[in-house]
C-alpha atoms as a PDB file:
ATOM      1  CA  GLY A   1      54.366 -33.922 -45.568  1.00  0.00           C
ATOM      2  CA  PRO A   2      57.112 -35.553 -43.869  1.00  0.00           C
ATOM      3  CA  ALA A   3      57.586 -39.323 -43.259  1.00  0.00           C
ATOM      4  CA  PRO A   4      56.408 -39.914 -39.810  1.00  0.00           C
ATOM      5  CA  ARG A   5      58.822 -41.824 -37.043  1.00  0.00           C
ATOM      6  CA  LEU A   6      58.602 -44.526 -35.669  1.00  0.00           C
ATOM      7  CA  VAL A   7      59.804 -44.199 -31.424  1.00  0.00           C
ATOM      8  CA  LEU A   8      59.944 -47.787 -29.957  1.00  0.00           C
ATOM      9  CA  PHE A   9      60.196 -48.162 -26.641  1.00  0.00           C
ATOM     10  CA  ASP A  10      62.070 -51.257 -24.753  1.00  0.00           C
ATOM     11  CA  GLU A  11      59.391 -52.518 -22.210  1.00  0.00           C
ATOM     12  CA  CYS A  12      55.616 -52.111 -22.244  1.00  0.00           C
ATOM     13  CA  ASP A  13      55.291 -50.468 -19.362  1.00  0.00           C
ATOM     14  CA  ALA A  14      53.375 -47.416 -18.873  1.00  0.00           C
ATOM     15  CA  LYS A  15      56.309 -45.207 -17.213  1.00  0.00           C
ATOM     16  CA  LYS A  16      58.423 -46.025 -20.653  1.00  0.00           C
ATOM     17  CA  GLU A  17      55.962 -45.241 -22.691  1.00  0.00           C
ATOM     18  CA  ALA A  18      54.997 -41.688 -21.250  1.00  0.00           C
ATOM     19  CA  ALA A  19      59.020 -41.077 -21.211  1.00  0.00           C
ATOM     20  CA  ALA A  20      58.977 -41.560 -25.187  1.00  0.00           C
ATOM     21  CA  ILE A  21      56.280 -39.497 -25.601  1.00  0.00           C
ATOM     22  CA  VAL A  22      57.384 -36.512 -23.543  1.00  0.00           C
ATOM     23  CA  GLN A  23      60.795 -36.621 -25.740  1.00  0.00           C
ATOM     24  CA  ALA A  24      58.465 -37.115 -28.912  1.00  0.00           C
ATOM     25  CA  VAL A  25      57.245 -34.072 -27.218  1.00  0.00           C
ATOM     26  CA  ARG A  26      60.118 -32.702 -27.253  1.00  0.00           C
ATOM     27  CA  ARG A  27      61.306 -32.799 -30.159  1.00  0.00           C
ATOM     28  CA  MET A  28      58.281 -31.529 -32.046  1.00  0.00           C
ATOM     29  CA  HIS A  29      58.267 -28.203 -30.165  1.00  0.00           C
ATOM     30  CA  ASP A  30      62.140 -27.636 -30.060  1.00  0.00           C
ATOM     31  CA  THR A  31      62.987 -29.270 -33.116  1.00  0.00           C
ATOM     32  CA  GLN A  32      60.387 -28.327 -35.736  1.00  0.00           C
ATOM     33  CA  ASN A  33      59.262 -24.812 -34.033  1.00  0.00           C
ATOM     34  CA  ILE A  34      56.069 -26.802 -33.500  1.00  0.00           C
ATOM     35  CA  ALA A  35      54.053 -24.638 -30.284  1.00  0.00           C
ATOM     36  CA  TYR A  36      52.640 -26.758 -27.396  1.00  0.00           C
ATOM     37  CA  THR A  37      49.401 -25.300 -28.367  1.00  0.00           C
ATOM     38  CA  ASP A  38      49.383 -26.837 -31.394  1.00  0.00           C
ATOM     39  CA  ILE A  39      50.280 -30.390 -30.114  1.00  0.00           C
ATOM     40  CA  ALA A  40      48.666 -33.668 -29.012  1.00  0.00           C
ATOM     41  CA  VAL A  41      49.083 -36.754 -27.551  1.00  0.00           C
ATOM     42  CA  LEU A  42      46.531 -39.410 -28.543  1.00  0.00           C
ATOM     43  CA  LEU A  43      45.555 -42.434 -26.838  1.00  0.00           C
ATOM     44  CA  TYR A  44      43.652 -45.554 -27.062  1.00  0.00           C
ATOM     45  CA  ASN A  45      42.182 -45.539 -23.775  1.00  0.00           C
ATOM     46  CA  LYS A  46      42.961 -44.077 -20.715  1.00  0.00           C
ATOM     47  CA  GLY A  47      44.169 -47.734 -19.098  1.00  0.00           C
ATOM     48  CA  ILE A  48      44.037 -51.331 -19.434  1.00  0.00           C
ATOM     49  CA  LYS A  49      42.747 -53.395 -16.648  1.00  0.00           C
ATOM     50  CA  LYS A  50      44.657 -56.556 -14.878  1.00  0.00           C
ATOM     51  CA  GLY A  51      45.317 -59.881 -17.505  1.00  0.00           C
ATOM     52  CA  GLN A  52      43.864 -57.529 -20.496  1.00  0.00           C
ATOM     53  CA  ILE A  53      47.247 -57.368 -22.256  1.00  0.00           C
ATOM     54  CA  ASP A  54      48.899 -60.643 -21.325  1.00  0.00           C
ATOM     55  CA  GLY A  55      51.451 -60.777 -18.151  1.00  0.00           C
ATOM     56  CA  TYR A  56      51.172 -56.861 -17.557  1.00  0.00           C
ATOM     57  CA  LYS A  57      49.488 -55.526 -14.760  1.00  0.00           C
ATOM     58  CA  HIS A  58      47.146 -52.606 -14.856  1.00  0.00           C
ATOM     59  CA  TYR A  59      48.290 -50.087 -17.720  1.00  0.00           C
ATOM     60  CA  SER A  60      47.670 -46.515 -16.556  1.00  0.00           C
ATOM     61  CA  ILE A  61      48.378 -44.893 -19.886  1.00  0.00           C
ATOM     62  CA  LEU A  62      46.907 -41.426 -19.356  1.00  0.00           C
ATOM     63  CA  SER A  63      47.993 -40.406 -15.558  1.00  0.00           C
ATOM     64  CA  ALA A  64      51.908 -41.685 -16.626  1.00  0.00           C
ATOM     65  CA  VAL A  65      51.811 -39.004 -19.727  1.00  0.00           C
ATOM     66  CA  TYR A  66      49.990 -36.110 -17.705  1.00  0.00           C
ATOM     67  CA  LEU A  67      52.292 -36.809 -14.861  1.00  0.00           C
ATOM     68  CA  ALA A  68      55.284 -36.998 -17.110  1.00  0.00           C
ATOM     69  CA  LEU A  69      55.092 -34.383 -19.320  1.00  0.00           C
ATOM     70  CA  ARG A  70      54.060 -32.038 -16.585  1.00  0.00           C
ATOM     71  CA  LEU A  71      57.065 -32.951 -14.362  1.00  0.00           C
ATOM     72  CA  ASP A  72      59.445 -32.055 -17.358  1.00  0.00           C
ATOM     73  CA  ASN A  73      57.717 -28.890 -17.449  1.00  0.00           C
ATOM     74  CA  ILE A  74      55.299 -29.535 -20.142  1.00  0.00           C
ATOM     75  CA  PRO A  75      51.911 -27.690 -20.427  1.00  0.00           C
ATOM     76  CA  CYS A  76      49.282 -30.235 -20.994  1.00  0.00           C
ATOM     77  CA  VAL A  77      45.900 -30.226 -20.793  1.00  0.00           C
ATOM     78  CA  GLN A  78      42.763 -33.179 -21.016  1.00  0.00           C
ATOM     79  CA  LEU A  79      40.018 -32.854 -23.939  1.00  0.00           C
ATOM     80  CA  ALA A  80      38.570 -36.408 -22.625  1.00  0.00           C
ATOM     81  CA  TRP A  81      37.888 -38.762 -20.057  1.00  0.00           C
ATOM     82  CA  THR A  82      37.409 -36.286 -16.537  1.00  0.00           C
ATOM     83  CA  GLU A  83      34.349 -33.808 -16.526  1.00  0.00           C
ATOM     84  CA  ASN A  84      36.721 -31.184 -15.813  1.00  0.00           C
ATOM     85  CA  ARG A  85      38.643 -31.284 -19.760  1.00  0.00           C
ATOM     86  CA  VAL A  86      39.203 -28.509 -21.585  1.00  0.00           C
ATOM     87  CA  PRO A  87      36.963 -27.507 -24.370  1.00  0.00           C
ATOM     88  CA  TYR A  88      39.676 -27.729 -28.019  1.00  0.00           C
ATOM     89  CA  ALA A  89      39.521 -23.766 -28.663  1.00  0.00           C
ATOM     90  CA  ALA A  90      40.862 -23.328 -24.222  1.00  0.00           C
ATOM     91  CA  ARG A  91      43.361 -25.202 -24.502  1.00  0.00           C
ATOM     92  CA  ASP A  92      47.002 -23.833 -23.340  1.00  0.00           C
ATOM     93  CA  GLY A  93      49.317 -26.674 -23.909  1.00  0.00           C
ATOM     94  CA  VAL A  94      49.716 -29.990 -25.321  1.00  0.00           C
ATOM     95  CA  ALA A  95      46.220 -31.868 -25.564  1.00  0.00           C
ATOM     96  CA  LEU A  96      45.187 -35.339 -24.188  1.00  0.00           C
ATOM     97  CA  ILE A  97      43.428 -36.409 -26.264  1.00  0.00           C
ATOM     98  CA  SER A  98      41.140 -40.148 -26.777  1.00  0.00           C
ATOM     99  CA  TYR A  99      41.702 -41.654 -30.869  1.00  0.00           C
ATOM    100  CA  GLN A 100      37.746 -41.214 -30.985  1.00  0.00           C
ATOM    101  CA  GLY A 101      37.715 -37.739 -29.132  1.00  0.00           C
ATOM    102  CA  VAL A 102      40.176 -36.411 -31.884  1.00  0.00           C
ATOM    103  CA  LEU A 103      37.621 -37.429 -35.053  1.00  0.00           C
ATOM    104  CA  GLY A 104      37.076 -34.247 -36.533  1.00  0.00           C
ATOM    105  CA  LEU A 105      40.225 -32.352 -35.317  1.00  0.00           C
ATOM    106  CA  ASP A 106      43.495 -31.316 -36.595  1.00  0.00           C
ATOM    107  CA  PHE A 107      47.260 -30.266 -34.827  1.00  0.00           C
ATOM    108  CA  ARG A 108      50.199 -29.456 -36.708  1.00  0.00           C
ATOM    109  CA  GLY A 109      52.001 -32.496 -34.401  1.00  0.00           C
ATOM    110  CA  ILE A 110      50.613 -35.585 -33.454  1.00  0.00           C
ATOM    111  CA  VAL A 111      51.735 -38.258 -31.083  1.00  0.00           C
ATOM    112  CA  VAL A 112      50.135 -41.620 -31.058  1.00  0.00           C
ATOM    113  CA  ALA A 113      49.979 -43.621 -28.596  1.00  0.00           C
ATOM    114  CA  GLY A 114      48.660 -46.414 -26.305  1.00  0.00           C
ATOM    115  CA  ILE A 115      48.805 -48.596 -28.446  1.00  0.00           C
ATOM    116  CA  PRO A 116      48.966 -52.146 -26.270  1.00  0.00           C
ATOM    117  CA  ALA A 117      45.337 -51.233 -25.611  1.00  0.00           C
ATOM    118  CA  ILE A 118      43.596 -51.815 -28.576  1.00  0.00           C
ATOM    119  CA  GLY A 119      41.592 -54.534 -29.014  1.00  0.00           C
ATOM    120  CA  ALA A 120      43.042 -55.698 -25.418  1.00  0.00           C
ATOM    121  CA  ARG A 121      38.432 -54.978 -23.833  1.00  0.00           C
ATOM    122  CA  LEU A 122      37.629 -57.919 -26.113  1.00  0.00           C
ATOM    123  CA  ASP A 123      41.296 -60.126 -26.463  1.00  0.00           C
ATOM    124  CA  VAL A 124      41.711 -59.376 -30.676  1.00  0.00           C
ATOM    125  CA  ALA A 125      44.571 -57.688 -29.801  1.00  0.00           C
ATOM    126  CA  ASN A 126      46.376 -60.692 -31.509  1.00  0.00           C
ATOM    127  CA  GLU A 127      44.707 -61.791 -34.105  1.00  0.00           C
ATOM    128  CA  THR A 128      44.406 -61.179 -37.621  1.00  0.00           C
ATOM    129  CA  LYS A 129      40.734 -60.247 -39.221  1.00  0.00           C
ATOM    130  CA  GLU A 130      41.218 -63.662 -40.867  1.00  0.00           C
ATOM    131  CA  THR A 131      41.217 -65.321 -37.703  1.00  0.00           C
ATOM    132  CA  ILE A 132      38.690 -63.569 -36.022  1.00  0.00           C
ATOM    133  CA  VAL A 133      36.484 -63.839 -38.989  1.00  0.00           C
ATOM    134  CA  ASP A 134      37.069 -67.808 -38.827  1.00  0.00           C
ATOM    135  CA  LYS A 135      36.679 -68.090 -34.978  1.00  0.00           C
ATOM    136  CA  ASN A 136      34.475 -65.191 -33.503  1.00  0.00           C
ATOM    137  CA  PRO A 137      32.438 -63.292 -36.268  1.00  0.00           C
ATOM    138  CA  GLU A 138      30.551 -61.086 -33.383  1.00  0.00           C
ATOM    139  CA  LEU A 139      33.807 -59.493 -32.972  1.00  0.00           C
ATOM    140  CA  GLN A 140      34.867 -58.516 -36.362  1.00  0.00           C
ATOM    141  CA  GLY A 141      33.846 -55.484 -35.364  1.00  0.00           C
ATOM    142  CA  GLU A 142      35.753 -54.920 -31.935  1.00  0.00           C
ATOM    143  CA  TYR A 143      38.733 -56.116 -34.946  1.00  0.00           C
ATOM    144  CA  GLN A 144      37.119 -52.927 -37.297  1.00  0.00           C
ATOM    145  CA  LEU A 145      36.930 -50.260 -34.527  1.00  0.00           C
ATOM    146  CA  GLY A 146      40.528 -50.828 -33.367  1.00  0.00           C
ATOM    147  CA  PHE A 147      41.894 -50.527 -37.355  1.00  0.00           C
ATOM    148  CA  ASP A 148      39.497 -47.959 -37.784  1.00  0.00           C
ATOM    149  CA  SER A 149      40.390 -45.961 -34.293  1.00  0.00           C
ATOM    150  CA  LEU A 150      44.343 -46.039 -35.288  1.00  0.00           C
ATOM    151  CA  TYR A 151      43.500 -44.991 -38.829  1.00  0.00           C
ATOM    152  CA  ILE A 152      41.497 -41.787 -36.910  1.00  0.00           C
ATOM    153  CA  ALA A 153      44.640 -40.834 -35.213  1.00  0.00           C
ATOM    154  CA  CYS A 154      47.505 -41.397 -37.790  1.00  0.00           C
ATOM    155  CA  THR A 155      45.531 -38.992 -40.132  1.00  0.00           C
ATOM    156  CA  ARG A 156      45.329 -36.169 -37.771  1.00  0.00           C
ATOM    157  CA  ALA A 157      48.520 -34.694 -38.034  1.00  0.00           C
ATOM    158  CA  LYS A 158      49.040 -31.816 -40.525  1.00  0.00           C
ATOM    159  CA  ASP A 159      52.845 -31.136 -40.350  1.00  0.00           C
ATOM    160  CA  SER A 160      54.547 -34.338 -37.632  1.00  0.00           C
ATOM    161  CA  LEU A 161      53.143 -37.726 -36.858  1.00  0.00           C
ATOM    162  CA  THR A 162      55.184 -39.767 -34.720  1.00  0.00           C
ATOM    163  CA  ILE A 163      53.872 -42.847 -33.341  1.00  0.00           C
ATOM    164  CA  VAL A 164      55.301 -44.010 -29.790  1.00  0.00           C
ATOM    165  CA  MET A 165      54.977 -48.048 -29.134  1.00  0.00           C
ATOM    166  CA  PRO A 166      57.026 -50.850 -27.638  1.00  0.00           C
ATOM    167  CA  SER A 167      59.619 -53.105 -29.603  1.00  0.00           C
ATOM    168  CA  PRO A 168      57.760 -56.420 -30.845  1.00  0.00           C
ATOM    169  CA  SER A 169      60.584 -58.194 -29.272  1.00  0.00           C
ATOM    170  CA  VAL A 170      58.955 -57.496 -25.697  1.00  0.00           C
ATOM    171  CA  PHE A 171      54.895 -56.897 -27.275  1.00  0.00           C
ATOM    172  CA  ARG A 172      53.227 -57.567 -30.556  1.00  0.00           C
ATOM    173  CA  SER A 173      49.872 -57.333 -31.941  1.00  0.00           C
ATOM    174  CA  THR A 174      47.946 -56.683 -35.250  1.00  0.00           C
ATOM    175  CA  TYR A 175      47.672 -53.523 -34.763  1.00  0.00           C
ATOM    176  CA  THR A 176      51.748 -52.820 -33.909  1.00  0.00           C
ATOM    177  CA  GLN A 177      52.161 -55.277 -36.593  1.00  0.00           C
ATOM    178  CA  ILE A 178      50.506 -52.936 -39.409  1.00  0.00           C
ATOM    179  CA  ILE A 179      52.464 -49.672 -38.192  1.00  0.00           C
ATOM    180  CA  LEU A 180      55.313 -51.629 -38.774  1.00  0.00           C
ATOM    181  CA  ASP A 181      54.264 -52.502 -42.131  1.00  0.00           C
ATOM    182  CA  SER A 182      53.395 -49.668 -43.411  1.00  0.00           C
ATOM    183  CA  MET A 183      57.127 -47.926 -42.153  1.00  0.00           C
ATOM    184  CA  GLN A 184      59.459 -50.351 -44.039  1.00  0.00           C
ATOM    185  CA  GLU A 185      58.970 -48.443 -47.144  1.00  0.00           C
ATOM    186  CA  TYR A 186      60.234 -45.159 -45.056  1.00  0.00           C
ATOM    187  CA  GLN A 187      62.973 -46.604 -42.666  1.00  0.00           C
ATOM    188  CA  GLN A 188      63.049 -44.388 -39.760  1.00  0.00           C
ATOM    189  CA  LEU A 189      62.804 -46.515 -36.506  1.00  0.00           C
ATOM    190  CA  ASP A 190      64.328 -44.927 -33.654  1.00  0.00           C
ATOM    191  CA  SER A 191      64.838 -46.535 -30.305  1.00  0.00           C
ATOM    192  CA  ASN A 192      65.212 -45.400 -26.929  1.00  0.00           C
END
């Protein structure tokens, strides 16, 4: 398929990330003719508590994305996180789903977001695999879970994959570096 797109935003802020996600969804719909029901926005989790990412306050990405899509008149449904979630077959808009919840599903268009949350729970986001194994072997599983979750999210797209994440000058982690390294061959870097 076509090369993935990388969209960088300039502040580690849920509203900025949500705005970048809305633009990515609009682009898939308007320029690639992908129906909203064939697009999913994949988020690592619904939010991060204060202190889990150095210097950043609460980062509630799910509510910010849901609101931004609705304000832009883009229909969306939550396929995860709430008791009111919609079954996969009954969705009538862009699906909001977790990396873990998308396993076994695929969509024509995927927007992968919420990357600052990966590894934040046990503070392994900025560690390399070697550092984790040397310092805290018991955290190796958490590091691998983050990597596996990111891999699952990025392999759910049939036709179009867009990865939305903070600019490396704003936020850098092992997981953002993996993405940057793999995108170098494509040379398709968009900045918002």
